[in-house]
Amino acid sequence: MDATERIESKVPVTILTGFLGAGKTTLLRNILTERHDERIAVIENEFGETSVDAELLFEDRQEQVIELNNGCICCKVRGDLVRMLSDLHDRRAADKLHFNRVIIETTGLADPAPVAQTFFVEEDVSRHYILDAIVTIVDAVHADAQLDAHHEAVEQVAFADRVLVSKADLVAPQSVDALKARIRQINARAPIALVNLGRTNVQGLLDIAGFSLKSVLEVEPDFLSDVAHEHDDDIGSFVFTSRQPFDPARITNFLQEMIQTHGADLMRYKGVLSYAGFERKVVLQGVHMVMHSDVGQPWSGEERVSNIVFIGRRLREPDIRRALEACLIQASVPATV
């Protein structure tokens, strides 16, 4: 087998990144819907100990969805990623699992550089996989603050082969133009496009051979060296879980109060909630003070369990837990935090 054949036989990998709440999972859902003729292995990484994304967005689908939780893929669980990719290859080679591409959705706090490194410095990975592209989603509402405050947000843009700007409809056109100009200052080579609720030209994201090691080394000569990466110690996460349903009025009032009081520190919150007297799941999504909920799939026989993930800075976890417990149907005290 010559070099060309070896490259062509490798499984292409797309790294999907973007800061907390930018819309990565929504885009991924639409990719899976559009590319229904393919078998895609999805590796999901969450900063918290529990991921709700598989429950939120992959119901009734047949993709191989694997979760890497309780750590960031660029540091704590990078070794798990290597082992996972090797295991996927072994199962594919043994005809026990069928897929022809891998999409890795990183946590919003991930620096993509160490993740991309994996495909060049880990022999077991580079032998079987090829990094096709890094796709970064940028949240038009919160991007300026995130780029100002977080090194990871800048790195996500800097390493992108494609940049998608989400939520552009929520800001003024001149703000979108200013954001595009700022993105080009950080990364002049990546095309920029708008994405609306995860809808975009999927053909422009997959099989594009967008990742150029040569270009990266020109910008960051030590790319292939070990990169020490640590997160802000003030940023943490926790999960609230309950088998008791929420009182709809109480939880609605509490969530509105919470974002008014602590929205600046609530970097991301999302979950699947069970409401008393309501036979469908309620899907909660929020970034800082922008929050919305929607009606999800019916509770079809499985145990009705609410899971809400909170990621933020200096979170008052005990107070938030007590307030959420006060919103459960058996509670009788008002919820405040």
C-alpha atoms as a PDB file:
ATOM      1  CA  MET A   1       0.000   0.000   0.000  1.00  0.00           C
ATOM      2  CA  ASP A   2       1.518   3.350  -1.048  1.00  0.00           C
ATOM      3  CA  ALA A   3       1.355   6.588   0.946  1.00  0.00           C
ATOM      4  CA  THR A   4      -1.703   7.878  -0.909  1.00  0.00           C
ATOM      5  CA  GLU A   5      -3.652   4.684  -0.219  1.00  0.00           C
ATOM      6  CA  ARG A   6      -2.689   4.813   3.444  1.00  0.00           C
ATOM      7  CA  ILE A   7      -3.959   8.396   3.756  1.00  0.00           C
ATOM      8  CA  GLU A   8      -7.175   7.586   1.921  1.00  0.00           C
ATOM      9  CA  SER A   9      -7.822   4.640   4.227  1.00  0.00           C
ATOM     10  CA  LYS A  10      -7.695   6.789   7.341  1.00  0.00           C
ATOM     11  CA  VAL A  11     -10.932   7.840   8.984  1.00  0.00           C
ATOM     12  CA  PRO A  12     -11.511  11.622   8.719  1.00  0.00           C
ATOM     13  CA  VAL A  13     -12.064  13.490  11.974  1.00  0.00           C
ATOM     14  CA  THR A  14     -13.755  16.842  12.484  1.00  0.00           C
ATOM     15  CA  ILE A  15     -13.203  18.739  15.731  1.00  0.00           C
ATOM     16  CA  LEU A  16     -16.254  20.859  16.546  1.00  0.00           C
ATOM     17  CA  THR A  17     -15.439  23.574  19.030  1.00  0.00           C
ATOM     18  CA  GLY A  18     -16.737  26.895  20.292  1.00  0.00           C
ATOM     19  CA  PHE A  19     -17.266  28.541  23.653  1.00  0.00           C
ATOM     20  CA  LEU A  20     -20.017  27.600  26.094  1.00  0.00           C
ATOM     21  CA  GLY A  21     -23.486  27.914  24.601  1.00  0.00           C
ATOM     22  CA  ALA A  22     -22.393  28.834  21.070  1.00  0.00           C
ATOM     23  CA  GLY A  23     -24.535  26.102  19.502  1.00  0.00           C
ATOM     24  CA  LYS A  24     -22.179  23.176  18.872  1.00  0.00           C
ATOM     25  CA  THR A  25     -24.642  20.419  19.713  1.00  0.00           C
ATOM     26  CA  THR A  26     -27.408  21.999  17.641  1.00  0.00           C
ATOM     27  CA  LEU A  27     -25.074  22.121  14.635  1.00  0.00           C
ATOM     28  CA  LEU A  28     -24.015  18.536  15.266  1.00  0.00           C
ATOM     29  CA  ARG A  29     -27.634  17.417  15.344  1.00  0.00           C
ATOM     30  CA  ASN A  30     -28.230  18.984  11.944  1.00  0.00           C
ATOM     31  CA  ILE A  31     -25.070  17.419  10.505  1.00  0.00           C
ATOM     32  CA  LEU A  32     -26.282  14.006  11.623  1.00  0.00           C
ATOM     33  CA  THR A  33     -29.693  14.670  10.107  1.00  0.00           C
ATOM     34  CA  GLU A  34     -28.307  15.810   6.758  1.00  0.00           C
ATOM     35  CA  ARG A  35     -25.641  13.117   6.492  1.00  0.00           C
ATOM     36  CA  HIS A  36     -28.089  10.304   7.156  1.00  0.00           C
ATOM     37  CA  ASP A  37     -26.386   8.122   4.554  1.00  0.00           C
ATOM     38  CA  GLU A  38     -23.221   7.949   6.655  1.00  0.00           C
ATOM     39  CA  ARG A  39     -22.252   6.201   9.849  1.00  0.00           C
ATOM     40  CA  ILE A  40     -20.704   8.739  12.179  1.00  0.00           C
ATOM     41  CA  ALA A  41     -19.022   8.064  15.506  1.00  0.00           C
ATOM     42  CA  VAL A  42     -19.614  11.026  17.815  1.00  0.00           C
ATOM     43  CA  ILE A  43     -17.373  11.739  20.788  1.00  0.00           C
ATOM     44  CA  GLU A  44     -18.911  14.227  23.189  1.00  0.00           C
ATOM     45  CA  ASN A  45     -16.898  15.945  25.900  1.00  0.00           C
ATOM     46  CA  GLU A  46     -18.467  17.808  28.803  1.00  0.00           C
ATOM     47  CA  PHE A  47     -16.697  19.870  31.462  1.00  0.00           C
ATOM     48  CA  GLY A  48     -19.109  18.579  34.107  1.00  0.00           C
ATOM     49  CA  GLU A  49     -19.484  15.096  35.489  1.00  0.00           C
ATOM     50  CA  THR A  50     -22.677  14.430  33.533  1.00  0.00           C
ATOM     51  CA  SER A  51     -23.666  15.263  29.966  1.00  0.00           C
ATOM     52  CA  VAL A  52     -27.269  15.921  29.027  1.00  0.00           C
ATOM     53  CA  ASP A  53     -26.538  16.453  25.329  1.00  0.00           C
ATOM     54  CA  ALA A  54     -27.054  12.847  24.298  1.00  0.00           C
ATOM     55  CA  GLU A  55     -30.483  12.924  25.930  1.00  0.00           C
ATOM     56  CA  LEU A  56     -31.229  16.384  24.548  1.00  0.00           C
ATOM     57  CA  LEU A  57     -30.289  15.884  20.945  1.00  0.00           C
ATOM     58  CA  PHE A  58     -29.670  12.270  19.994  1.00  0.00           C
ATOM     59  CA  GLU A  59     -32.968  10.613  20.821  1.00  0.00           C
ATOM     60  CA  ASP A  60     -34.070   7.926  18.383  1.00  0.00           C
ATOM     61  CA  ARG A  61     -30.799   8.021  16.442  1.00  0.00           C
ATOM     62  CA  GLN A  62     -28.429   5.189  15.622  1.00  0.00           C
ATOM     63  CA  GLU A  63     -25.077   6.985  15.702  1.00  0.00           C
ATOM     64  CA  GLN A  64     -22.373   5.694  18.012  1.00  0.00           C
ATOM     65  CA  VAL A  65     -22.366   8.415  20.677  1.00  0.00           C
ATOM     66  CA  ILE A  66     -19.614   8.241  23.294  1.00  0.00           C
ATOM     67  CA  GLU A  67     -19.345  10.648  26.214  1.00  0.00           C
ATOM     68  CA  LEU A  68     -16.165  11.883  27.867  1.00  0.00           C
ATOM     69  CA  ASN A  69     -17.291  13.530  31.093  1.00  0.00           C
ATOM     70  CA  ASN A  70     -15.824  14.920  34.298  1.00  0.00           C
ATOM     71  CA  GLY A  71     -12.934  16.674  32.627  1.00  0.00           C
ATOM     72  CA  CYS A  72     -11.883  18.753  29.665  1.00  0.00           C
ATOM     73  CA  ILE A  73     -10.748  16.882  26.561  1.00  0.00           C
ATOM     74  CA  CYS A  74      -7.728  19.156  26.191  1.00  0.00           C
ATOM     75  CA  CYS A  75      -6.223  18.257  29.557  1.00  0.00           C
ATOM     76  CA  LYS A  76      -7.752  15.866  32.117  1.00  0.00           C
ATOM     77  CA  VAL A  77      -9.270  13.319  29.758  1.00  0.00           C
ATOM     78  CA  ARG A  78      -6.982  13.580  26.740  1.00  0.00           C
ATOM     79  CA  GLY A  79      -5.579  10.152  27.515  1.00  0.00           C
ATOM     80  CA  ASP A  80      -9.118   8.800  27.521  1.00  0.00           C
ATOM     81  CA  LEU A  81      -9.585  10.259  24.037  1.00  0.00           C
ATOM     82  CA  VAL A  82      -6.540   8.378  22.753  1.00  0.00           C
ATOM     83  CA  ARG A  83      -7.777   5.118  24.251  1.00  0.00           C
ATOM     84  CA  MET A  84     -11.268   5.715  22.910  1.00  0.00           C
ATOM     85  CA  LEU A  85     -10.077   6.342  19.361  1.00  0.00           C
ATOM     86  CA  SER A  86      -7.915   3.220  19.515  1.00  0.00           C
ATOM     87  CA  ASP A  87     -10.846   1.176  20.802  1.00  0.00           C
ATOM     88  CA  LEU A  88     -13.105   2.521  18.047  1.00  0.00           C
ATOM     89  CA  HIS A  89     -10.537   1.458  15.443  1.00  0.00           C
ATOM     90  CA  ASP A  90     -10.190  -2.025  16.942  1.00  0.00           C
ATOM     91  CA  ARG A  91     -13.963  -2.540  16.960  1.00  0.00           C
ATOM     92  CA  ARG A  92     -14.227  -1.246  13.403  1.00  0.00           C
ATOM     93  CA  ALA A  93     -11.399  -3.519  12.224  1.00  0.00           C
ATOM     94  CA  ALA A  94     -13.113  -6.489  13.881  1.00  0.00           C
ATOM     95  CA  ASP A  95     -16.345  -5.632  12.037  1.00  0.00           C
ATOM     96  CA  LYS A  96     -18.120  -5.034  15.363  1.00  0.00           C
ATOM     97  CA  LEU A  97     -18.780  -1.353  14.698  1.00  0.00           C
ATOM     98  CA  HIS A  98     -19.350   0.487  11.437  1.00  0.00           C
ATOM     99  CA  PHE A  99     -18.504   4.150  10.928  1.00  0.00           C
ATOM    100  CA  ASN A 100     -16.770   6.161   8.239  1.00  0.00           C
ATOM    101  CA  ARG A 101     -16.107   9.412  10.082  1.00  0.00           C
ATOM    102  CA  VAL A 102     -15.628  10.774  13.591  1.00  0.00           C
ATOM    103  CA  ILE A 103     -16.882  14.088  14.948  1.00  0.00           C
ATOM    104  CA  ILE A 104     -15.475  15.261  18.278  1.00  0.00           C
ATOM    105  CA  GLU A 105     -17.561  17.894  20.048  1.00  0.00           C
ATOM    106  CA  THR A 106     -15.334  19.516  22.653  1.00  0.00           C
ATOM    107  CA  THR A 107     -16.424  21.177  25.833  1.00  0.00           C
ATOM    108  CA  GLY A 108     -16.834  24.926  25.484  1.00  0.00           C
ATOM    109  CA  LEU A 109     -13.807  25.425  27.727  1.00  0.00           C
ATOM    110  CA  ALA A 110     -11.434  23.391  25.553  1.00  0.00           C
ATOM    111  CA  ASP A 111      -8.299  24.742  23.935  1.00  0.00           C
ATOM    112  CA  PRO A 112      -8.312  22.936  20.555  1.00  0.00           C
ATOM    113  CA  ALA A 113      -4.526  22.831  20.211  1.00  0.00           C
ATOM    114  CA  PRO A 114      -3.890  19.824  22.495  1.00  0.00           C
ATOM    115  CA  VAL A 115      -6.833  17.986  20.915  1.00  0.00           C
ATOM    116  CA  ALA A 116      -5.454  18.564  17.422  1.00  0.00           C
ATOM    117  CA  GLN A 117      -1.983  17.525  18.615  1.00  0.00           C
ATOM    118  CA  THR A 118      -3.351  14.092  19.382  1.00  0.00           C
ATOM    119  CA  PHE A 119      -3.643  13.308  15.663  1.00  0.00           C
ATOM    120  CA  PHE A 120       0.051  13.991  15.058  1.00  0.00           C
ATOM    121  CA  VAL A 121       1.947  12.942  18.183  1.00  0.00           C
ATOM    122  CA  GLU A 122       0.020   9.798  19.157  1.00  0.00           C
ATOM    123  CA  GLU A 123       1.142   7.010  16.822  1.00  0.00           C
ATOM    124  CA  ASP A 124      -1.874   4.764  17.449  1.00  0.00           C
ATOM    125  CA  VAL A 125      -4.142   7.655  16.495  1.00  0.00           C
ATOM    126  CA  SER A 126      -2.222   9.087  13.526  1.00  0.00           C
ATOM    127  CA  ARG A 127      -1.959   5.626  11.953  1.00  0.00           C
ATOM    128  CA  HIS A 128      -5.731   5.251  11.647  1.00  0.00           C
ATOM    129  CA  TYR A 129      -7.201   8.764  11.652  1.00  0.00           C
ATOM    130  CA  ILE A 130      -6.640  12.016   9.800  1.00  0.00           C
ATOM    131  CA  LEU A 131      -7.668  15.423  11.132  1.00  0.00           C
ATOM    132  CA  ASP A 132      -9.873  16.921   8.419  1.00  0.00           C
ATOM    133  CA  ALA A 133     -10.767  20.257   9.997  1.00  0.00           C
ATOM    134  CA  ILE A 134     -11.456  22.275  13.115  1.00  0.00           C
ATOM    135  CA  VAL A 135     -14.863  23.972  12.937  1.00  0.00           C
ATOM    136  CA  THR A 136     -15.490  26.750  15.465  1.00  0.00           C
ATOM    137  CA  ILE A 137     -18.835  28.331  16.333  1.00  0.00           C
ATOM    138  CA  VAL A 138     -18.767  31.877  17.709  1.00  0.00           C
ATOM    139  CA  ASP A 139     -21.733  33.268  19.654  1.00  0.00           C
ATOM    140  CA  ALA A 140     -22.510  36.749  18.271  1.00  0.00           C
ATOM    141  CA  VAL A 141     -24.227  37.810  21.506  1.00  0.00           C
ATOM    142  CA  HIS A 142     -21.410  36.945  23.918  1.00  0.00           C
ATOM    143  CA  ALA A 143     -18.322  36.690  21.693  1.00  0.00           C
ATOM    144  CA  ASP A 144     -16.679  40.003  22.549  1.00  0.00           C
ATOM    145  CA  ALA A 145     -16.849  39.374  26.301  1.00  0.00           C
ATOM    146  CA  GLN A 146     -15.682  35.776  25.868  1.00  0.00           C
ATOM    147  CA  LEU A 147     -12.747  36.742  23.636  1.00  0.00           C
ATOM    148  CA  ASP A 148     -11.765  39.443  26.130  1.00  0.00           C
ATOM    149  CA  ALA A 149     -11.926  37.176  29.172  1.00  0.00           C
ATOM    150  CA  HIS A 150     -10.968  33.683  28.024  1.00  0.00           C
ATOM    151  CA  HIS A 151      -7.799  32.468  26.339  1.00  0.00           C
ATOM    152  CA  GLU A 152      -9.641  29.351  25.194  1.00  0.00           C
ATOM    153  CA  ALA A 153     -12.134  31.397  23.162  1.00  0.00           C
ATOM    154  CA  VAL A 154      -9.268  33.088  21.304  1.00  0.00           C
ATOM    155  CA  GLU A 155      -7.541  29.759  20.654  1.00  0.00           C
ATOM    156  CA  GLN A 156     -10.754  28.262  19.316  1.00  0.00           C
ATOM    157  CA  VAL A 157     -10.931  31.022  16.708  1.00  0.00           C
ATOM    158  CA  ALA A 158      -7.187  31.006  15.996  1.00  0.00           C
ATOM    159  CA  PHE A 159      -7.094  27.274  15.195  1.00  0.00           C
ATOM    160  CA  ALA A 160     -10.324  27.197  13.182  1.00  0.00           C
ATOM    161  CA  ASP A 161     -10.420  26.062   9.573  1.00  0.00           C
ATOM    162  CA  ARG A 162     -14.030  27.237   9.349  1.00  0.00           C
ATOM    163  CA  VAL A 163     -15.732  29.815  11.596  1.00  0.00           C
ATOM    164  CA  LEU A 164     -19.517  29.892  11.983  1.00  0.00           C
ATOM    165  CA  VAL A 165     -21.190  32.862  13.677  1.00  0.00           C
ATOM    166  CA  SER A 166     -24.379  31.920  15.550  1.00  0.00           C
ATOM    167  CA  LYS A 167     -27.181  34.103  16.976  1.00  0.00           C
ATOM    168  CA  ALA A 168     -26.456  36.891  14.492  1.00  0.00           C
ATOM    169  CA  ASP A 169     -30.182  37.634  14.396  1.00  0.00           C
ATOM    170  CA  LEU A 170     -30.028  38.715  18.052  1.00  0.00           C
ATOM    171  CA  VAL A 171     -27.568  41.589  17.506  1.00  0.00           C
ATOM    172  CA  ALA A 172     -27.354  44.571  15.169  1.00  0.00           C
ATOM    173  CA  PRO A 173     -25.841  44.003  11.683  1.00  0.00           C
ATOM    174  CA  GLN A 174     -22.995  46.412  12.453  1.00  0.00           C
ATOM    175  CA  SER A 175     -22.128  44.308  15.515  1.00  0.00           C
ATOM    176  CA  VAL A 176     -21.890  41.208  13.306  1.00  0.00           C
ATOM    177  CA  ASP A 177     -19.602  43.083  10.913  1.00  0.00           C
ATOM    178  CA  ALA A 178     -17.409  44.216  13.802  1.00  0.00           C
ATOM    179  CA  LEU A 179     -17.240  40.644  15.124  1.00  0.00           C
ATOM    180  CA  LYS A 180     -16.235  39.309  11.713  1.00  0.00           C
ATOM    181  CA  ALA A 181     -13.474  41.916  11.559  1.00  0.00           C
ATOM    182  CA  ARG A 182     -12.230  40.840  14.996  1.00  0.00           C
ATOM    183  CA  ILE A 183     -12.290  37.186  13.968  1.00  0.00           C
ATOM    184  CA  ARG A 184     -10.234  38.000  10.860  1.00  0.00           C
ATOM    185  CA  GLN A 185      -7.658  39.780  13.036  1.00  0.00           C
ATOM    186  CA  ILE A 186      -7.223  36.553  15.007  1.00  0.00           C
ATOM    187  CA  ASN A 187      -7.497  34.185  12.035  1.00  0.00           C
ATOM    188  CA  ALA A 188      -7.201  35.606   8.527  1.00  0.00           C
ATOM    189  CA  ARG A 189      -7.343  32.291   6.661  1.00  0.00           C
ATOM    190  CA  ALA A 190     -10.582  30.697   7.902  1.00  0.00           C
ATOM    191  CA  PRO A 191     -13.775  31.409   5.922  1.00  0.00           C
ATOM    192  CA  ILE A 192     -16.583  32.910   8.041  1.00  0.00           C
ATOM    193  CA  ALA A 193     -20.269  32.069   7.588  1.00  0.00           C
ATOM    194  CA  LEU A 194     -23.460  32.595   9.556  1.00  0.00           C
ATOM    195  CA  VAL A 195     -25.306  29.676  11.126  1.00  0.00           C
ATOM    196  CA  ASN A 196     -28.958  29.866  12.160  1.00  0.00           C
ATOM    197  CA  LEU A 197     -30.172  27.285  14.695  1.00  0.00           C
ATOM    198  CA  GLY A 198     -27.450  24.926  13.500  1.00  0.00           C
ATOM    199  CA  ARG A 199     -28.425  25.192   9.834  1.00  0.00           C
ATOM    200  CA  THR A 200     -25.594  25.829   7.404  1.00  0.00           C
ATOM    201  CA  ASN A 201     -23.941  24.298   4.364  1.00  0.00           C
ATOM    202  CA  VAL A 202     -22.708  20.982   5.738  1.00  0.00           C
ATOM    203  CA  GLN A 203     -20.792  20.320   2.511  1.00  0.00           C
ATOM    204  CA  GLY A 204     -18.514  23.191   3.497  1.00  0.00           C
ATOM    205  CA  LEU A 205     -17.632  21.608   6.848  1.00  0.00           C
ATOM    206  CA  LEU A 206     -16.817  17.961   6.085  1.00  0.00           C
ATOM    207  CA  ASP A 207     -14.191  16.419   3.794  1.00  0.00           C
ATOM    208  CA  ILE A 208     -12.559  19.791   3.208  1.00  0.00           C
ATOM    209  CA  ALA A 209      -8.949  18.869   4.108  1.00  0.00           C
ATOM    210  CA  GLY A 210      -8.899  22.175   5.920  1.00  0.00           C
ATOM    211  CA  PHE A 211      -6.356  21.466   8.652  1.00  0.00           C
ATOM    212  CA  SER A 212      -2.851  22.386   7.542  1.00  0.00           C
ATOM    213  CA  LEU A 213      -0.053  21.416   9.900  1.00  0.00           C
ATOM    214  CA  LYS A 214       2.343  23.613   7.941  1.00  0.00           C
ATOM    215  CA  SER A 215       0.137  26.686   8.438  1.00  0.00           C
ATOM    216  CA  VAL A 216      -0.258  25.970  12.143  1.00  0.00           C
ATOM    217  CA  LEU A 217       3.495  25.547  12.648  1.00  0.00           C
ATOM    218  CA  GLU A 218       4.081  28.897  10.959  1.00  0.00           C
ATOM    219  CA  VAL A 219       1.868  30.562  13.556  1.00  0.00           C
ATOM    220  CA  GLU A 220       2.721  28.333  16.542  1.00  0.00           C
ATOM    221  CA  PRO A 221       6.115  26.625  16.062  1.00  0.00           C
ATOM    222  CA  ASP A 222       5.803  24.637  19.320  1.00  0.00           C
ATOM    223  CA  PHE A 223       2.446  23.133  18.315  1.00  0.00           C
ATOM    224  CA  LEU A 224       3.802  19.574  18.355  1.00  0.00           C
ATOM    225  CA  SER A 225       5.404  20.049  21.758  1.00  0.00           C
ATOM    226  CA  ASP A 226       3.555  19.384  24.982  1.00  0.00           C
ATOM    227  CA  VAL A 227       1.188  22.206  25.791  1.00  0.00           C
ATOM    228  CA  ALA A 228       0.440  22.784  29.459  1.00  0.00           C
ATOM    229  CA  HIS A 229      -3.172  23.818  29.793  1.00  0.00           C
ATOM    230  CA  GLU A 230      -5.093  24.642  32.932  1.00  0.00           C
ATOM    231  CA  HIS A 231      -8.503  26.151  33.478  1.00  0.00           C
ATOM    232  CA  ASP A 232      -9.463  29.083  35.645  1.00  0.00           C
ATOM    233  CA  ASP A 233      -9.854  27.727  39.179  1.00  0.00           C
ATOM    234  CA  ASP A 234     -12.899  29.965  39.662  1.00  0.00           C
ATOM    235  CA  ILE A 235     -14.806  28.049  36.966  1.00  0.00           C
ATOM    236  CA  GLY A 236     -16.622  24.959  38.143  1.00  0.00           C
ATOM    237  CA  SER A 237     -19.652  22.844  37.399  1.00  0.00           C
ATOM    238  CA  PHE A 238     -22.237  20.726  39.112  1.00  0.00           C
ATOM    239  CA  VAL A 239     -25.338  18.719  38.218  1.00  0.00           C
ATOM    240  CA  PHE A 240     -28.706  18.836  39.935  1.00  0.00           C
ATOM    241  CA  THR A 241     -30.687  15.591  39.638  1.00  0.00           C
ATOM    242  CA  SER A 242     -34.143  14.768  40.948  1.00  0.00           C
ATOM    243  CA  ARG A 243     -36.737  12.065  40.476  1.00  0.00           C
ATOM    244  CA  GLN A 244     -39.398  14.349  41.910  1.00  0.00           C
ATOM    245  CA  PRO A 245     -41.092  16.596  39.328  1.00  0.00           C
ATOM    246  CA  PHE A 246     -40.829  20.370  39.383  1.00  0.00           C
ATOM    247  CA  ASP A 247     -43.737  22.645  40.120  1.00  0.00           C
ATOM    248  CA  PRO A 248     -43.898  24.593  36.795  1.00  0.00           C
ATOM    249  CA  ALA A 249     -44.654  27.984  38.367  1.00  0.00           C
ATOM    250  CA  ARG A 250     -41.991  27.684  41.071  1.00  0.00           C
ATOM    251  CA  ILE A 251     -39.174  26.576  38.757  1.00  0.00           C
ATOM    252  CA  THR A 252     -40.047  29.264  36.203  1.00  0.00           C
ATOM    253  CA  ASN A 253     -39.970  32.000  38.844  1.00  0.00           C
ATOM    254  CA  PHE A 254     -36.732  30.677  40.336  1.00  0.00           C
ATOM    255  CA  LEU A 255     -34.903  30.480  36.988  1.00  0.00           C
ATOM    256  CA  GLN A 256     -35.914  34.036  36.129  1.00  0.00           C
ATOM    257  CA  GLU A 257     -34.713  35.243  39.510  1.00  0.00           C
ATOM    258  CA  MET A 258     -31.481  33.258  39.213  1.00  0.00           C
ATOM    259  CA  ILE A 259     -30.416  34.762  35.892  1.00  0.00           C
ATOM    260  CA  GLN A 260     -31.240  38.268  37.113  1.00  0.00           C
ATOM    261  CA  THR A 261     -29.128  37.779  40.232  1.00  0.00           C
ATOM    262  CA  HIS A 262     -26.305  35.533  39.001  1.00  0.00           C
ATOM    263  CA  GLY A 263     -26.473  35.713  35.210  1.00  0.00           C
ATOM    264  CA  ALA A 264     -23.017  37.247  34.853  1.00  0.00           C
ATOM    265  CA  ASP A 265     -21.423  34.233  36.555  1.00  0.00           C
ATOM    266  CA  LEU A 266     -23.625  31.576  34.929  1.00  0.00           C
ATOM    267  CA  MET A 267     -21.571  30.755  31.856  1.00  0.00           C
ATOM    268  CA  ARG A 268     -23.747  27.826  30.763  1.00  0.00           C
ATOM    269  CA  TYR A 269     -26.749  25.917  32.079  1.00  0.00           C
ATOM    270  CA  LYS A 270     -28.820  23.276  30.317  1.00  0.00           C
ATOM    271  CA  GLY A 271     -30.961  20.337  31.171  1.00  0.00           C
ATOM    272  CA  VAL A 272     -33.958  18.087  30.757  1.00  0.00           C
ATOM    273  CA  LEU A 273     -36.698  18.740  33.305  1.00  0.00           C
ATOM    274  CA  SER A 274     -39.758  16.837  34.441  1.00  0.00           C
ATOM    275  CA  TYR A 275     -42.773  19.066  35.192  1.00  0.00           C
ATOM    276  CA  ALA A 276     -45.658  17.826  37.306  1.00  0.00           C
ATOM    277  CA  GLY A 277     -48.754  17.195  35.213  1.00  0.00           C
ATOM    278  CA  PHE A 278     -46.849  17.510  31.935  1.00  0.00           C
ATOM    279  CA  GLU A 279     -46.151  14.411  29.853  1.00  0.00           C
ATOM    280  CA  ARG A 280     -43.282  15.825  27.790  1.00  0.00           C
ATOM    281  CA  LYS A 281     -39.705  16.656  28.675  1.00  0.00           C
ATOM    282  CA  VAL A 282     -38.884  20.334  29.097  1.00  0.00           C
ATOM    283  CA  VAL A 283     -35.529  21.280  27.559  1.00  0.00           C
ATOM    284  CA  LEU A 284     -33.686  24.140  29.259  1.00  0.00           C
ATOM    285  CA  GLN A 285     -30.822  26.055  27.618  1.00  0.00           C
ATOM    286  CA  GLY A 286     -29.048  29.172  28.811  1.00  0.00           C
ATOM    287  CA  VAL A 287     -25.919  31.314  28.543  1.00  0.00           C
ATOM    288  CA  HIS A 288     -25.547  34.069  31.139  1.00  0.00           C
ATOM    289  CA  MET A 289     -28.841  36.012  31.031  1.00  0.00           C
ATOM    290  CA  VAL A 290     -30.081  34.555  27.750  1.00  0.00           C
ATOM    291  CA  MET A 291     -32.334  31.627  28.665  1.00  0.00           C
ATOM    292  CA  HIS A 292     -35.018  29.692  26.846  1.00  0.00           C
ATOM    293  CA  SER A 293     -36.951  26.469  27.337  1.00  0.00           C
ATOM    294  CA  ASP A 294     -38.741  24.276  24.865  1.00  0.00           C
ATOM    295  CA  VAL A 295     -40.974  21.215  24.789  1.00  0.00           C
ATOM    296  CA  GLY A 296     -39.036  18.013  24.134  1.00  0.00           C
ATOM    297  CA  GLN A 297     -39.927  14.403  23.495  1.00  0.00           C
ATOM    298  CA  PRO A 298     -42.630  12.604  25.538  1.00  0.00           C
ATOM    299  CA  TRP A 299     -41.623  10.642  28.613  1.00  0.00           C
ATOM    300  CA  SER A 300     -42.096   7.290  26.919  1.00  0.00           C
ATOM    301  CA  GLY A 301     -41.870   4.694  29.640  1.00  0.00           C
ATOM    302  CA  GLU A 302     -38.474   5.646  31.066  1.00  0.00           C
ATOM    303  CA  GLU A 303     -38.031   6.961  34.593  1.00  0.00           C
ATOM    304  CA  ARG A 304     -38.774  10.668  34.779  1.00  0.00           C
ATOM    305  CA  VAL A 305     -35.526  12.199  36.020  1.00  0.00           C
ATOM    306  CA  SER A 306     -34.591  15.875  35.826  1.00  0.00           C
ATOM    307  CA  ASN A 307     -30.936  16.716  35.143  1.00  0.00           C
ATOM    308  CA  ILE A 308     -29.608  20.279  35.019  1.00  0.00           C
ATOM    309  CA  VAL A 309     -25.932  21.072  34.418  1.00  0.00           C
ATOM    310  CA  PHE A 310     -24.520  24.395  35.661  1.00  0.00           C
ATOM    311  CA  ILE A 311     -21.128  25.758  34.577  1.00  0.00           C
ATOM    312  CA  GLY A 312     -19.965  29.079  35.922  1.00  0.00           C
ATOM    313  CA  ARG A 313     -17.659  31.202  37.988  1.00  0.00           C
ATOM    314  CA  ARG A 314     -17.817  31.061  41.772  1.00  0.00           C
ATOM    315  CA  LEU A 315     -21.134  29.232  41.743  1.00  0.00           C
ATOM    316  CA  ARG A 316     -22.984  29.090  45.065  1.00  0.00           C
ATOM    317  CA  GLU A 317     -23.804  25.424  44.664  1.00  0.00           C
ATOM    318  CA  PRO A 318     -25.395  24.735  48.093  1.00  0.00           C
ATOM    319  CA  ASP A 319     -27.722  27.745  47.742  1.00  0.00           C
ATOM    320  CA  ILE A 320     -28.735  26.824  44.193  1.00  0.00           C
ATOM    321  CA  ARG A 321     -29.388  23.218  45.194  1.00  0.00           C
ATOM    322  CA  ARG A 322     -31.578  24.256  48.117  1.00  0.00           C
ATOM    323  CA  ALA A 323     -33.541  26.641  45.919  1.00  0.00           C
ATOM    324  CA  LEU A 324     -34.069  23.969  43.250  1.00  0.00           C
ATOM    325  CA  GLU A 325     -35.224  21.478  45.875  1.00  0.00           C
ATOM    326  CA  ALA A 326     -37.760  24.066  47.003  1.00  0.00           C
ATOM    327  CA  CYS A 327     -39.162  24.059  43.455  1.00  0.00           C
ATOM    328  CA  LEU A 328     -39.981  20.344  43.542  1.00  0.00           C
ATOM    329  CA  ILE A 329     -43.622  19.405  43.797  1.00  0.00           C
ATOM    330  CA  GLN A 330     -43.483  18.167  47.373  1.00  0.00           C
ATOM    331  CA  ALA A 331     -41.837  21.353  48.604  1.00  0.00           C
ATOM    332  CA  SER A 332     -43.835  24.127  50.225  1.00  0.00           C
ATOM    333  CA  VAL A 333     -41.280  26.933  50.744  1.00  0.00           C
ATOM    334  CA  PRO A 334     -40.498  29.654  48.174  1.00  0.00           C
ATOM    335  CA  ALA A 335     -37.311  29.253  46.102  1.00  0.00           C
ATOM    336  CA  THR A 336     -34.716  32.008  46.419  1.00  0.00           C
ATOM    337  CA  VAL A 337     -30.971  32.165  45.831  1.00  0.00           C
END
